[in-house]
Amino acid sequence: MATNNSEIFYETKGTAYLAVVENGKIILGDAGFEFEYKNPRRGQNIFFTWSSIKSAEVDVSISGKLGQQFF
């Protein structure tokens, strides 16, 4: 699936908690924050431009590894 970002800075597995739990990829790029569904039949990627984001939080585990949840 195509991304809205022309340059990707970071990419990792992630989970979106919508009406159901959706697995996919979290992509941080030059244009914004994006969630790409693992199953392409689920629809278009969820995309937020950097200018629309006021704050972000990340879940970091005790072992120091980056978690799969962003808020």
C-alpha atoms as a PDB file:
ATOM      1  CA  MET A   1       0.000   0.000   0.000  1.00  0.00           C
ATOM      2  CA  ALA A   2       1.279   3.496  -0.798  1.00  0.00           C
ATOM      3  CA  THR A   3       2.245   5.846   1.978  1.00  0.00           C
ATOM      4  CA  ASN A   4       1.377   9.546   2.237  1.00  0.00           C
ATOM      5  CA  ASN A   5       4.982  10.275   3.267  1.00  0.00           C
ATOM      6  CA  SER A   6       7.678  10.828   0.643  1.00  0.00           C
ATOM      7  CA  GLU A   7      10.415  10.065   3.214  1.00  0.00           C
ATOM      8  CA  ILE A   8      10.096   7.575   6.095  1.00  0.00           C
ATOM      9  CA  PHE A   9      12.075   8.247   9.301  1.00  0.00           C
ATOM     10  CA  TYR A  10      10.795   5.368  11.454  1.00  0.00           C
ATOM     11  CA  GLU A  11       8.606   2.296  10.904  1.00  0.00           C
ATOM     12  CA  THR A  12       7.463  -0.395  13.383  1.00  0.00           C
ATOM     13  CA  LYS A  13       4.661  -2.867  14.025  1.00  0.00           C
ATOM     14  CA  GLY A  14       1.623  -1.340  15.681  1.00  0.00           C
ATOM     15  CA  THR A  15      -1.961  -1.835  16.784  1.00  0.00           C
ATOM     16  CA  ALA A  16      -4.951   0.459  16.232  1.00  0.00           C
ATOM     17  CA  TYR A  17      -7.804   0.155  18.731  1.00  0.00           C
ATOM     18  CA  LEU A  18     -10.894   1.105  16.740  1.00  0.00           C
ATOM     19  CA  ALA A  19     -14.213  -0.774  16.845  1.00  0.00           C
ATOM     20  CA  VAL A  20     -11.987  -3.867  16.627  1.00  0.00           C
ATOM     21  CA  VAL A  21      -8.247  -4.372  17.147  1.00  0.00           C
ATOM     22  CA  GLU A  22      -6.353  -3.801  13.885  1.00  0.00           C
ATOM     23  CA  ASN A  23      -2.726  -4.781  13.358  1.00  0.00           C
ATOM     24  CA  GLY A  24      -0.430  -2.966  10.974  1.00  0.00           C
ATOM     25  CA  LYS A  25       2.541  -0.626  10.791  1.00  0.00           C
ATOM     26  CA  ILE A  26       3.192   2.739  12.390  1.00  0.00           C
ATOM     27  CA  ILE A  27       5.067   5.036  10.019  1.00  0.00           C
ATOM     28  CA  LEU A  28       6.672   8.356  10.967  1.00  0.00           C
ATOM     29  CA  GLY A  29       7.625  10.367   7.912  1.00  0.00           C
ATOM     30  CA  ASP A  30       8.206  13.834   6.586  1.00  0.00           C
ATOM     31  CA  ALA A  31       4.489  14.520   6.007  1.00  0.00           C
ATOM     32  CA  GLY A  32       3.071  13.031   9.210  1.00  0.00           C
ATOM     33  CA  PHE A  33       2.101  10.063  11.381  1.00  0.00           C
ATOM     34  CA  GLU A  34       0.536   7.130   9.569  1.00  0.00           C
ATOM     35  CA  PHE A  35      -0.995   3.755  10.435  1.00  0.00           C
ATOM     36  CA  GLU A  36      -0.947   1.230   7.592  1.00  0.00           C
ATOM     37  CA  TYR A  37      -3.360  -1.693   7.953  1.00  0.00           C
ATOM     38  CA  LYS A  38      -1.820  -5.176   7.737  1.00  0.00           C
ATOM     39  CA  ASN A  39      -4.858  -6.251   5.695  1.00  0.00           C
ATOM     40  CA  PRO A  40      -5.089  -3.892   2.682  1.00  0.00           C
ATOM     41  CA  ARG A  41      -8.813  -4.666   2.273  1.00  0.00           C
ATOM     42  CA  ARG A  42      -9.545  -2.764   5.523  1.00  0.00           C
ATOM     43  CA  GLY A  43      -9.363   0.568   3.752  1.00  0.00           C
ATOM     44  CA  GLN A  44      -7.068   3.537   3.424  1.00  0.00           C
ATOM     45  CA  ASN A  45      -4.257   4.231   5.852  1.00  0.00           C
ATOM     46  CA  ILE A  46      -4.989   6.393   8.907  1.00  0.00           C
ATOM     47  CA  PHE A  47      -2.962   9.577   8.408  1.00  0.00           C
ATOM     48  CA  PHE A  48      -2.347  12.690  10.529  1.00  0.00           C
ATOM     49  CA  THR A  49      -0.260  15.603   9.287  1.00  0.00           C
ATOM     50  CA  TRP A  50       2.341  16.959  11.702  1.00  0.00           C
ATOM     51  CA  SER A  51       0.504  20.300  11.872  1.00  0.00           C
ATOM     52  CA  SER A  52      -2.661  18.564  13.186  1.00  0.00           C
ATOM     53  CA  ILE A  53      -0.859  16.777  16.061  1.00  0.00           C
ATOM     54  CA  LYS A  54      -0.726  18.688  19.349  1.00  0.00           C
ATOM     55  CA  SER A  55       0.892  15.990  21.511  1.00  0.00           C
ATOM     56  CA  ALA A  56       1.953  12.336  21.350  1.00  0.00           C
ATOM     57  CA  GLU A  57       2.727   9.647  23.924  1.00  0.00           C
ATOM     58  CA  VAL A  58       4.456   6.319  23.491  1.00  0.00           C
ATOM     59  CA  ASP A  59       4.311   3.193  25.657  1.00  0.00           C
ATOM     60  CA  VAL A  60       7.848   2.128  26.646  1.00  0.00           C
ATOM     61  CA  SER A  61       8.215  -1.251  28.323  1.00  0.00           C
ATOM     62  CA  ILE A  62      10.240  -1.896  31.481  1.00  0.00           C
ATOM     63  CA  SER A  63      12.954  -3.629  29.438  1.00  0.00           C
ATOM     64  CA  GLY A  64      13.480  -0.343  27.575  1.00  0.00           C
ATOM     65  CA  LYS A  65      12.062  -1.521  24.253  1.00  0.00           C
ATOM     66  CA  LEU A  66       9.682   0.713  22.339  1.00  0.00           C
ATOM     67  CA  GLY A  67       6.107  -0.493  22.696  1.00  0.00           C
ATOM     68  CA  GLN A  68       3.555  -0.829  19.919  1.00  0.00           C
ATOM     69  CA  GLN A  69       1.095   1.702  21.323  1.00  0.00           C
ATOM     70  CA  PHE A  70       1.008   5.401  20.499  1.00  0.00           C
ATOM     71  CA  PHE A  71      -1.503   7.887  21.917  1.00  0.00           C
END
